[in-house]
Amino acid sequence: KVEADEECDEGILVKGDEYVTGLCCDSKCKLIAGSYCSDKNSDCCASCKIRPAGIVCKHKDELNCKQESHCDGESDKCPEPTPLANETPCLDRGQCRAGKCITYCEAIGMMPCLCEDSRDACVRCCRSNTTLFHACRAVTPRDPLPNGTPCKFGFCENQRCEKNIQDFVERFWDVIEEININTFFRFMKDNIVGAVIMITLLIWVPIGCAINFYDQRHKEKLKKRSASFGSDASQRRVNLRPRSFNSVLSRPSVRGDRGDRLTQTSVYYPPGYRY
């Protein structure tokens, strides 16, 4: 594509490790001396010179209702093609109208539609263009649609709408009933999304279950260790308390004022207690 500040653009031309010039354009996107145009950038250019008038540069395009176009001998650009005459037949029995191909139904003042009745699924149907609530009916005389035309259930084949699209479930059971390597690979190819989902589930569901099972076992071990540690700590606390107050001090017997001997008593005193 030629930019605004370029005279031509033949792309990057490399020979070995060096940039080289093209036939009509140099590496700086400027026309080489003696060149008037670039063959790669212009339809009306040949050997770096403008083609003579009358040379076809664009062929007739009936699908888009365009005439063929010719070089004018003055410019290297191909002139825009003129439209084909109105009512010239175009795609699928349509007609050219102001340079555009309109459908068969539009050409007769109606709108194209698909008939609901299966018997008319592969004939041309139209409805009124004044409202969408008008019924879709087959045109008269009946005009069969070409083979391969999309219909309600699939594609037309010999004026019948043949269902040739199976859903994922139908194809899956076909593979199960007639399992072999060919049907399996055909199933995978025709149902890319479903196959990816199925393979992903087959891989990740077992992995997820295994990880969850391991996590549960790990949590149970941690709970047992925590309970065991708590029991040992409690037992140590209970055993330590009696040792702290296990000191028994006995006072010697003394005599009273009347000389009678008092009974010797034993009293528990905490460590460090002075009497």
C-alpha atoms as a PDB file:
ATOM      1  CA  LYS A   1       0.000   0.000   0.000  1.00  0.00           C
ATOM      2  CA  VAL A   2       1.321   3.397  -1.002  1.00  0.00           C
ATOM      3  CA  GLU A   3       1.357   5.919   1.847  1.00  0.00           C
ATOM      4  CA  ALA A   4       0.817   9.665   1.478  1.00  0.00           C
ATOM      5  CA  ASP A   5       4.536  10.515   1.414  1.00  0.00           C
ATOM      6  CA  GLU A   6       5.454   7.657  -0.951  1.00  0.00           C
ATOM      7  CA  GLU A   7       5.521   7.482  -4.747  1.00  0.00           C
ATOM      8  CA  CYS A   8       5.473   3.686  -4.740  1.00  0.00           C
ATOM      9  CA  ASP A   9       5.820   0.752  -2.379  1.00  0.00           C
ATOM     10  CA  GLU A  10       6.913  -2.657  -3.600  1.00  0.00           C
ATOM     11  CA  GLY A  11       7.508  -4.027  -0.125  1.00  0.00           C
ATOM     12  CA  ILE A  12      10.807  -4.957   1.479  1.00  0.00           C
ATOM     13  CA  LEU A  13      13.167  -6.475  -1.051  1.00  0.00           C
ATOM     14  CA  VAL A  14      16.125  -8.284   0.462  1.00  0.00           C
ATOM     15  CA  LYS A  15      18.997 -10.029  -1.267  1.00  0.00           C
ATOM     16  CA  GLY A  16      21.268 -11.700   1.230  1.00  0.00           C
ATOM     17  CA  ASP A  17      21.770  -9.193   4.035  1.00  0.00           C
ATOM     18  CA  GLU A  18      21.158  -6.097   1.920  1.00  0.00           C
ATOM     19  CA  TYR A  19      18.088  -4.175   0.859  1.00  0.00           C
ATOM     20  CA  VAL A  20      17.783  -3.929  -2.904  1.00  0.00           C
ATOM     21  CA  THR A  21      15.701  -1.793  -5.233  1.00  0.00           C
ATOM     22  CA  GLY A  22      12.716  -3.142  -7.088  1.00  0.00           C
ATOM     23  CA  LEU A  23      11.958  -2.989 -10.790  1.00  0.00           C
ATOM     24  CA  CYS A  24      10.363   0.450 -10.595  1.00  0.00           C
ATOM     25  CA  CYS A  25      10.740   1.523  -6.974  1.00  0.00           C
ATOM     26  CA  ASP A  26      13.812   2.027  -4.777  1.00  0.00           C
ATOM     27  CA  SER A  27      14.269   1.193  -1.106  1.00  0.00           C
ATOM     28  CA  LYS A  28      13.098   4.703  -0.112  1.00  0.00           C
ATOM     29  CA  CYS A  29       9.746   4.187  -1.860  1.00  0.00           C
ATOM     30  CA  LYS A  30      10.590   6.606  -4.669  1.00  0.00           C
ATOM     31  CA  LEU A  31      10.243   5.900  -8.382  1.00  0.00           C
ATOM     32  CA  ILE A  32      13.485   5.027 -10.105  1.00  0.00           C
ATOM     33  CA  ALA A  33      14.616   7.440 -12.818  1.00  0.00           C
ATOM     34  CA  GLY A  34      12.733   6.717 -16.052  1.00  0.00           C
ATOM     35  CA  SER A  35       9.836   4.981 -14.242  1.00  0.00           C
ATOM     36  CA  TYR A  36       6.346   6.486 -14.356  1.00  0.00           C
ATOM     37  CA  CYS A  37       4.586   3.954 -12.141  1.00  0.00           C
ATOM     38  CA  SER A  38       5.025   0.676 -10.317  1.00  0.00           C
ATOM     39  CA  ASP A  39       3.626  -2.561 -11.677  1.00  0.00           C
ATOM     40  CA  LYS A  40       2.976  -3.799  -8.125  1.00  0.00           C
ATOM     41  CA  ASN A  41       0.936  -0.756  -7.155  1.00  0.00           C
ATOM     42  CA  SER A  42      -1.080   0.007 -10.295  1.00  0.00           C
ATOM     43  CA  ASP A  43      -3.349  -2.059 -12.540  1.00  0.00           C
ATOM     44  CA  CYS A  44      -2.648   0.151 -15.534  1.00  0.00           C
ATOM     45  CA  CYS A  45       1.133  -0.065 -15.297  1.00  0.00           C
ATOM     46  CA  ALA A  46       3.420  -2.432 -17.182  1.00  0.00           C
ATOM     47  CA  SER A  47       7.218  -2.364 -17.119  1.00  0.00           C
ATOM     48  CA  CYS A  48       7.103   0.881 -15.126  1.00  0.00           C
ATOM     49  CA  LYS A  49       5.111   2.648 -17.842  1.00  0.00           C
ATOM     50  CA  ILE A  50       1.436   3.547 -18.216  1.00  0.00           C
ATOM     51  CA  ARG A  51      -0.540   1.089 -20.273  1.00  0.00           C
ATOM     52  CA  PRO A  52      -2.274   2.280 -23.462  1.00  0.00           C
ATOM     53  CA  ALA A  53      -5.970   3.045 -23.500  1.00  0.00           C
ATOM     54  CA  GLY A  54      -8.412   0.193 -23.981  1.00  0.00           C
ATOM     55  CA  ILE A  55      -6.537  -2.420 -21.948  1.00  0.00           C
ATOM     56  CA  VAL A  56      -8.909  -4.293 -19.588  1.00  0.00           C
ATOM     57  CA  CYS A  57      -7.862  -3.688 -15.981  1.00  0.00           C
ATOM     58  CA  LYS A  58     -10.977  -5.058 -14.224  1.00  0.00           C
ATOM     59  CA  HIS A  59     -13.139  -7.824 -15.588  1.00  0.00           C
ATOM     60  CA  LYS A  60     -16.913  -7.873 -15.650  1.00  0.00           C
ATOM     61  CA  ASP A  61     -18.441  -8.811 -12.287  1.00  0.00           C
ATOM     62  CA  GLU A  62     -22.042  -9.918 -12.729  1.00  0.00           C
ATOM     63  CA  LEU A  63     -22.422 -10.878  -9.066  1.00  0.00           C
ATOM     64  CA  ASN A  64     -21.763  -7.275  -8.066  1.00  0.00           C
ATOM     65  CA  CYS A  65     -23.402  -5.793 -11.165  1.00  0.00           C
ATOM     66  CA  LYS A  66     -20.217  -4.142 -12.457  1.00  0.00           C
ATOM     67  CA  GLN A  67     -19.065  -3.690 -16.056  1.00  0.00           C
ATOM     68  CA  GLU A  68     -15.496  -4.363 -17.078  1.00  0.00           C
ATOM     69  CA  SER A  69     -13.132  -1.407 -16.760  1.00  0.00           C
ATOM     70  CA  HIS A  70     -10.406  -0.196 -19.194  1.00  0.00           C
ATOM     71  CA  CYS A  71      -7.239   1.831 -18.786  1.00  0.00           C
ATOM     72  CA  ASP A  72      -7.539   5.382 -20.175  1.00  0.00           C
ATOM     73  CA  GLY A  73      -3.896   5.680 -21.312  1.00  0.00           C
ATOM     74  CA  GLU A  74      -3.271   8.728 -19.093  1.00  0.00           C
ATOM     75  CA  SER A  75      -3.297   7.359 -15.570  1.00  0.00           C
ATOM     76  CA  ASP A  76      -1.796   4.288 -14.006  1.00  0.00           C
ATOM     77  CA  LYS A  77      -4.989   3.829 -11.924  1.00  0.00           C
ATOM     78  CA  CYS A  78      -7.821   1.610 -13.148  1.00  0.00           C
ATOM     79  CA  PRO A  79     -11.037   3.656 -13.545  1.00  0.00           C
ATOM     80  CA  GLU A  80     -14.045   2.652 -11.469  1.00  0.00           C
ATOM     81  CA  PRO A  81     -16.269   0.245 -13.434  1.00  0.00           C
ATOM     82  CA  THR A  82     -19.716   1.391 -14.522  1.00  0.00           C
ATOM     83  CA  PRO A  83     -22.775  -0.532 -13.243  1.00  0.00           C
ATOM     84  CA  LEU A  84     -24.573  -3.094 -15.359  1.00  0.00           C
ATOM     85  CA  ALA A  85     -27.953  -2.142 -16.797  1.00  0.00           C
ATOM     86  CA  ASN A  86     -30.990  -2.499 -14.547  1.00  0.00           C
ATOM     87  CA  GLU A  87     -32.770  -5.886 -14.665  1.00  0.00           C
ATOM     88  CA  THR A  88     -29.592  -7.646 -15.724  1.00  0.00           C
ATOM     89  CA  PRO A  89     -29.721 -11.132 -14.149  1.00  0.00           C
ATOM     90  CA  CYS A  90     -27.335 -11.595 -11.216  1.00  0.00           C
ATOM     91  CA  LEU A  91     -26.836 -13.968  -8.301  1.00  0.00           C
ATOM     92  CA  ASP A  92     -29.576 -16.555  -7.556  1.00  0.00           C
ATOM     93  CA  ARG A  93     -32.103 -15.234 -10.098  1.00  0.00           C
ATOM     94  CA  GLY A  94     -31.768 -11.725  -8.734  1.00  0.00           C
ATOM     95  CA  GLN A  95     -31.620  -8.544 -10.806  1.00  0.00           C
ATOM     96  CA  CYS A  96     -29.226  -5.634 -11.003  1.00  0.00           C
ATOM     97  CA  ARG A  97     -30.689  -2.402  -9.708  1.00  0.00           C
ATOM     98  CA  ALA A  98     -28.587   0.806  -9.619  1.00  0.00           C
ATOM     99  CA  GLY A  99     -25.343  -1.167  -9.556  1.00  0.00           C
ATOM    100  CA  LYS A 100     -26.460  -3.607  -6.849  1.00  0.00           C
ATOM    101  CA  CYS A 101     -27.760  -7.158  -7.063  1.00  0.00           C
ATOM    102  CA  ILE A 102     -31.152  -7.472  -5.385  1.00  0.00           C
ATOM    103  CA  THR A 103     -32.889 -10.773  -4.630  1.00  0.00           C
ATOM    104  CA  TYR A 104     -35.641 -12.370  -6.708  1.00  0.00           C
ATOM    105  CA  CYS A 105     -38.300 -11.440  -4.142  1.00  0.00           C
ATOM    106  CA  GLU A 106     -37.116  -7.825  -3.962  1.00  0.00           C
ATOM    107  CA  ALA A 107     -37.247  -7.624  -7.743  1.00  0.00           C
ATOM    108  CA  ILE A 108     -41.002  -8.433  -7.634  1.00  0.00           C
ATOM    109  CA  GLY A 109     -41.673  -6.061  -4.716  1.00  0.00           C
ATOM    110  CA  MET A 110     -41.579  -8.595  -1.877  1.00  0.00           C
ATOM    111  CA  MET A 111     -39.156  -9.916   0.764  1.00  0.00           C
ATOM    112  CA  PRO A 112     -37.323 -13.278   0.766  1.00  0.00           C
ATOM    113  CA  CYS A 113     -38.205 -15.776   3.494  1.00  0.00           C
ATOM    114  CA  LEU A 114     -38.119 -19.499   4.368  1.00  0.00           C
ATOM    115  CA  CYS A 115     -41.396 -21.381   4.147  1.00  0.00           C
ATOM    116  CA  GLU A 116     -42.457 -23.162   7.349  1.00  0.00           C
ATOM    117  CA  ASP A 117     -44.118 -26.027   5.497  1.00  0.00           C
ATOM    118  CA  SER A 118     -41.567 -28.816   4.936  1.00  0.00           C
ATOM    119  CA  ARG A 119     -43.061 -29.448   1.485  1.00  0.00           C
ATOM    120  CA  ASP A 120     -42.073 -25.921   0.445  1.00  0.00           C
ATOM    121  CA  ALA A 121     -38.717 -25.862   2.248  1.00  0.00           C
ATOM    122  CA  CYS A 122     -36.756 -26.123  -1.009  1.00  0.00           C
ATOM    123  CA  VAL A 123     -38.762 -23.806  -3.247  1.00  0.00           C
ATOM    124  CA  ARG A 124     -38.436 -20.046  -3.480  1.00  0.00           C
ATOM    125  CA  CYS A 125     -40.638 -18.258  -0.945  1.00  0.00           C
ATOM    126  CA  CYS A 126     -41.520 -14.591  -0.504  1.00  0.00           C
ATOM    127  CA  ARG A 127     -43.672 -12.465   1.762  1.00  0.00           C
ATOM    128  CA  SER A 128     -45.144  -8.990   1.519  1.00  0.00           C
ATOM    129  CA  ASN A 129     -42.716  -6.202   2.322  1.00  0.00           C
ATOM    130  CA  THR A 130     -45.427  -4.050   3.898  1.00  0.00           C
ATOM    131  CA  THR A 131     -45.553  -6.030   7.163  1.00  0.00           C
ATOM    132  CA  LEU A 132     -43.713  -8.911   8.785  1.00  0.00           C
ATOM    133  CA  PHE A 133     -46.966 -10.588   9.810  1.00  0.00           C
ATOM    134  CA  HIS A 134     -47.853 -11.685   6.301  1.00  0.00           C
ATOM    135  CA  ALA A 135     -47.437 -15.404   5.696  1.00  0.00           C
ATOM    136  CA  CYS A 136     -44.386 -16.710   3.857  1.00  0.00           C
ATOM    137  CA  ARG A 137     -45.595 -18.462   0.703  1.00  0.00           C
ATOM    138  CA  ALA A 138     -44.040 -20.265  -2.221  1.00  0.00           C
ATOM    139  CA  VAL A 139     -43.979 -18.244  -5.441  1.00  0.00           C
ATOM    140  CA  THR A 140     -46.032 -19.360  -8.424  1.00  0.00           C
ATOM    141  CA  PRO A 141     -45.071 -21.049 -10.577  1.00  0.00           C
ATOM    142  CA  ARG A 142     -43.018 -23.044  -8.092  1.00  0.00           C
ATOM    143  CA  ASP A 143     -39.331 -22.257  -8.394  1.00  0.00           C
ATOM    144  CA  PRO A 144     -37.083 -25.009  -6.947  1.00  0.00           C
ATOM    145  CA  LEU A 145     -33.983 -23.863  -5.106  1.00  0.00           C
ATOM    146  CA  PRO A 146     -30.577 -25.126  -6.303  1.00  0.00           C
ATOM    147  CA  ASN A 147     -28.951 -28.042  -4.503  1.00  0.00           C
ATOM    148  CA  GLY A 148     -26.890 -26.896  -1.552  1.00  0.00           C
ATOM    149  CA  THR A 149     -29.177 -23.969  -0.687  1.00  0.00           C
ATOM    150  CA  PRO A 150     -29.692 -23.690   3.109  1.00  0.00           C
ATOM    151  CA  CYS A 151     -33.173 -24.715   4.303  1.00  0.00           C
ATOM    152  CA  LYS A 152     -34.883 -25.062   7.672  1.00  0.00           C
ATOM    153  CA  PHE A 153     -33.334 -28.402   8.678  1.00  0.00           C
ATOM    154  CA  GLY A 154     -30.135 -28.468   6.623  1.00  0.00           C
ATOM    155  CA  PHE A 155     -29.542 -28.097   2.866  1.00  0.00           C
ATOM    156  CA  CYS A 156     -31.667 -28.669  -0.201  1.00  0.00           C
ATOM    157  CA  GLU A 157     -31.013 -31.830  -2.190  1.00  0.00           C
ATOM    158  CA  ASN A 158     -33.269 -32.639  -5.166  1.00  0.00           C
ATOM    159  CA  GLN A 159     -35.995 -30.292  -3.858  1.00  0.00           C
ATOM    160  CA  ARG A 160     -35.961 -31.913  -0.425  1.00  0.00           C
ATOM    161  CA  CYS A 161     -34.571 -30.430   2.760  1.00  0.00           C
ATOM    162  CA  GLU A 162     -32.065 -33.004   3.965  1.00  0.00           C
ATOM    163  CA  LYS A 163     -30.981 -32.915   7.578  1.00  0.00           C
ATOM    164  CA  ASN A 164     -27.233 -33.293   7.552  1.00  0.00           C
ATOM    165  CA  ILE A 165     -26.369 -31.582  10.810  1.00  0.00           C
ATOM    166  CA  GLN A 166     -26.282 -33.788  13.893  1.00  0.00           C
ATOM    167  CA  ASP A 167     -26.137 -32.393  17.358  1.00  0.00           C
ATOM    168  CA  PHE A 168     -23.388 -33.301  19.786  1.00  0.00           C
ATOM    169  CA  VAL A 169     -25.441 -35.957  21.627  1.00  0.00           C
ATOM    170  CA  GLU A 170     -26.423 -37.790  18.417  1.00  0.00           C
ATOM    171  CA  ARG A 171     -22.833 -37.878  17.192  1.00  0.00           C
ATOM    172  CA  PHE A 172     -21.605 -39.036  20.594  1.00  0.00           C
ATOM    173  CA  TRP A 173     -23.987 -42.016  20.639  1.00  0.00           C
ATOM    174  CA  ASP A 174     -23.062 -42.845  17.043  1.00  0.00           C
ATOM    175  CA  VAL A 175     -19.450 -43.110  18.157  1.00  0.00           C
ATOM    176  CA  ILE A 176     -20.430 -45.304  21.135  1.00  0.00           C
ATOM    177  CA  GLU A 177     -22.547 -47.666  19.007  1.00  0.00           C
ATOM    178  CA  GLU A 178     -19.991 -48.007  16.212  1.00  0.00           C
ATOM    179  CA  ILE A 179     -16.776 -47.287  18.006  1.00  0.00           C
ATOM    180  CA  ASN A 180     -13.597 -47.435  15.969  1.00  0.00           C
ATOM    181  CA  ILE A 181     -10.651 -45.161  15.382  1.00  0.00           C
ATOM    182  CA  ASN A 182     -12.143 -43.554  12.253  1.00  0.00           C
ATOM    183  CA  THR A 183     -15.500 -42.632  13.804  1.00  0.00           C
ATOM    184  CA  PHE A 184     -13.714 -41.372  16.917  1.00  0.00           C
ATOM    185  CA  PHE A 185     -11.476 -38.994  14.982  1.00  0.00           C
ATOM    186  CA  ARG A 186     -14.389 -37.861  12.786  1.00  0.00           C
ATOM    187  CA  PHE A 187     -16.382 -37.132  15.943  1.00  0.00           C
ATOM    188  CA  MET A 188     -13.469 -35.115  17.354  1.00  0.00           C
ATOM    189  CA  LYS A 189     -13.086 -33.166  14.109  1.00  0.00           C
ATOM    190  CA  ASP A 190     -16.801 -32.381  13.705  1.00  0.00           C
ATOM    191  CA  ASN A 191     -17.314 -31.443  17.355  1.00  0.00           C
ATOM    192  CA  ILE A 192     -14.246 -29.473  18.325  1.00  0.00           C
ATOM    193  CA  VAL A 193     -15.841 -27.614  21.250  1.00  0.00           C
ATOM    194  CA  GLY A 194     -17.553 -30.688  22.703  1.00  0.00           C
ATOM    195  CA  ALA A 195     -14.412 -32.782  22.288  1.00  0.00           C
ATOM    196  CA  VAL A 196     -12.273 -30.190  24.079  1.00  0.00           C
ATOM    197  CA  ILE A 197     -14.770 -30.034  26.958  1.00  0.00           C
ATOM    198  CA  MET A 198     -14.934 -33.830  27.235  1.00  0.00           C
ATOM    199  CA  ILE A 199     -11.145 -34.278  27.201  1.00  0.00           C
ATOM    200  CA  THR A 200     -10.721 -31.469  29.732  1.00  0.00           C
ATOM    201  CA  LEU A 201     -13.228 -33.116  32.087  1.00  0.00           C
ATOM    202  CA  LEU A 202     -11.560 -36.523  31.716  1.00  0.00           C
ATOM    203  CA  ILE A 203      -8.221 -35.004  32.701  1.00  0.00           C
ATOM    204  CA  TRP A 204      -9.124 -32.435  35.349  1.00  0.00           C
ATOM    205  CA  VAL A 205     -11.930 -34.209  37.243  1.00  0.00           C
ATOM    206  CA  PRO A 206      -9.681 -37.088  38.431  1.00  0.00           C
ATOM    207  CA  ILE A 207      -6.868 -34.647  39.215  1.00  0.00           C
ATOM    208  CA  GLY A 208      -9.272 -32.432  41.184  1.00  0.00           C
ATOM    209  CA  CYS A 209     -10.607 -35.442  43.133  1.00  0.00           C
ATOM    210  CA  ALA A 210      -7.076 -36.602  43.946  1.00  0.00           C
ATOM    211  CA  ILE A 211      -6.036 -33.140  45.161  1.00  0.00           C
ATOM    212  CA  ASN A 212      -9.186 -32.842  47.286  1.00  0.00           C
ATOM    213  CA  PHE A 213      -8.590 -36.327  48.801  1.00  0.00           C
ATOM    214  CA  TYR A 214      -4.989 -35.409  49.659  1.00  0.00           C
ATOM    215  CA  ASP A 215      -6.080 -32.092  51.235  1.00  0.00           C
ATOM    216  CA  GLN A 216      -8.679 -33.849  53.408  1.00  0.00           C
ATOM    217  CA  ARG A 217      -6.139 -36.385  54.677  1.00  0.00           C
ATOM    218  CA  HIS A 218      -3.653 -33.603  55.380  1.00  0.00           C
ATOM    219  CA  LYS A 219      -6.272 -31.666  57.363  1.00  0.00           C
ATOM    220  CA  GLU A 220      -7.173 -34.752  59.419  1.00  0.00           C
ATOM    221  CA  LYS A 221      -3.494 -35.318  60.285  1.00  0.00           C
ATOM    222  CA  LEU A 222      -3.138 -31.695  61.365  1.00  0.00           C
ATOM    223  CA  LYS A 223      -6.251 -32.001  63.574  1.00  0.00           C
ATOM    224  CA  LYS A 224      -4.921 -35.168  65.248  1.00  0.00           C
ATOM    225  CA  ARG A 225      -1.533 -33.564  65.892  1.00  0.00           C
ATOM    226  CA  SER A 226      -3.203 -30.473  67.317  1.00  0.00           C
ATOM    227  CA  ALA A 227      -5.447 -32.538  69.624  1.00  0.00           C
ATOM    228  CA  SER A 228      -2.488 -34.635  70.793  1.00  0.00           C
ATOM    229  CA  PHE A 229      -0.385 -31.569  71.492  1.00  0.00           C
ATOM    230  CA  GLY A 230      -3.198 -29.951  73.462  1.00  0.00           C
ATOM    231  CA  SER A 231      -3.687 -33.095  75.608  1.00  0.00           C
ATOM    232  CA  ASP A 232       0.028 -33.348  76.432  1.00  0.00           C
ATOM    233  CA  ALA A 233       0.246 -29.678  77.358  1.00  0.00           C
ATOM    234  CA  SER A 234      -2.806 -29.945  79.633  1.00  0.00           C
ATOM    235  CA  GLN A 235      -1.372 -33.015  81.322  1.00  0.00           C
ATOM    236  CA  ARG A 236       1.913 -31.238  81.936  1.00  0.00           C
ATOM    237  CA  ARG A 237       0.111 -28.280  83.491  1.00  0.00           C
ATOM    238  CA  VAL A 238      -1.895 -30.552  85.818  1.00  0.00           C
ATOM    239  CA  ASN A 239       1.220 -32.440  86.993  1.00  0.00           C
ATOM    240  CA  LEU A 240       3.217 -29.319  87.640  1.00  0.00           C
ATOM    241  CA  ARG A 241       0.824 -27.723  90.087  1.00  0.00           C
ATOM    242  CA  PRO A 242       1.051 -30.375  92.817  1.00  0.00           C
ATOM    243  CA  ARG A 243       4.859 -30.246  92.657  1.00  0.00           C
ATOM    244  CA  SER A 244       4.783 -26.529  93.445  1.00  0.00           C
ATOM    245  CA  PHE A 245       2.795 -27.004  96.674  1.00  0.00           C
ATOM    246  CA  ASN A 246       4.148 -30.388  97.723  1.00  0.00           C
ATOM    247  CA  SER A 247       6.392 -28.960 100.439  1.00  0.00           C
ATOM    248  CA  VAL A 248       5.316 -30.105 103.881  1.00  0.00           C
ATOM    249  CA  LEU A 249       6.821 -28.414 106.906  1.00  0.00           C
ATOM    250  CA  SER A 250       6.486 -29.946 110.332  1.00  0.00           C
ATOM    251  CA  ARG A 251       6.829 -27.843 113.437  1.00  0.00           C
ATOM    252  CA  PRO A 252       8.292 -29.497 116.528  1.00  0.00           C
ATOM    253  CA  SER A 253       6.073 -30.122 119.504  1.00  0.00           C
ATOM    254  CA  VAL A 254       6.156 -27.442 122.213  1.00  0.00           C
ATOM    255  CA  ARG A 255       5.033 -27.330 125.778  1.00  0.00           C
ATOM    256  CA  GLY A 256       2.257 -25.106 126.986  1.00  0.00           C
ATOM    257  CA  ASP A 257       2.214 -22.764 129.920  1.00  0.00           C
ATOM    258  CA  ARG A 258       1.244 -25.629 132.222  1.00  0.00           C
ATOM    259  CA  GLY A 259       3.999 -27.807 130.950  1.00  0.00           C
ATOM    260  CA  ASP A 260       1.759 -30.141 128.987  1.00  0.00           C
ATOM    261  CA  ARG A 261       3.043 -31.322 125.635  1.00  0.00           C
ATOM    262  CA  LEU A 262       1.163 -29.960 122.623  1.00  0.00           C
ATOM    263  CA  THR A 263       0.392 -32.256 119.748  1.00  0.00           C
ATOM    264  CA  GLN A 264       2.774 -32.016 116.797  1.00  0.00           C
ATOM    265  CA  THR A 265       0.966 -30.763 113.700  1.00  0.00           C
ATOM    266  CA  SER A 266       1.941 -30.821 110.058  1.00  0.00           C
ATOM    267  CA  VAL A 267       1.082 -27.811 107.902  1.00  0.00           C
ATOM    268  CA  TYR A 268       1.460 -27.307 104.126  1.00  0.00           C
ATOM    269  CA  TYR A 269       3.441 -24.206 103.317  1.00  0.00           C
ATOM    270  CA  PRO A 270       4.221 -22.951  99.849  1.00  0.00           C
ATOM    271  CA  PRO A 271       7.861 -22.675  98.849  1.00  0.00           C
ATOM    272  CA  GLY A 272       9.586 -19.552 100.236  1.00  0.00           C
ATOM    273  CA  TYR A 273       7.068 -19.106 103.025  1.00  0.00           C
ATOM    274  CA  ARG A 274       8.629 -17.977 106.264  1.00  0.00           C
ATOM    275  CA  TYR A 275       7.173 -18.703 109.636  1.00  0.00           C
END
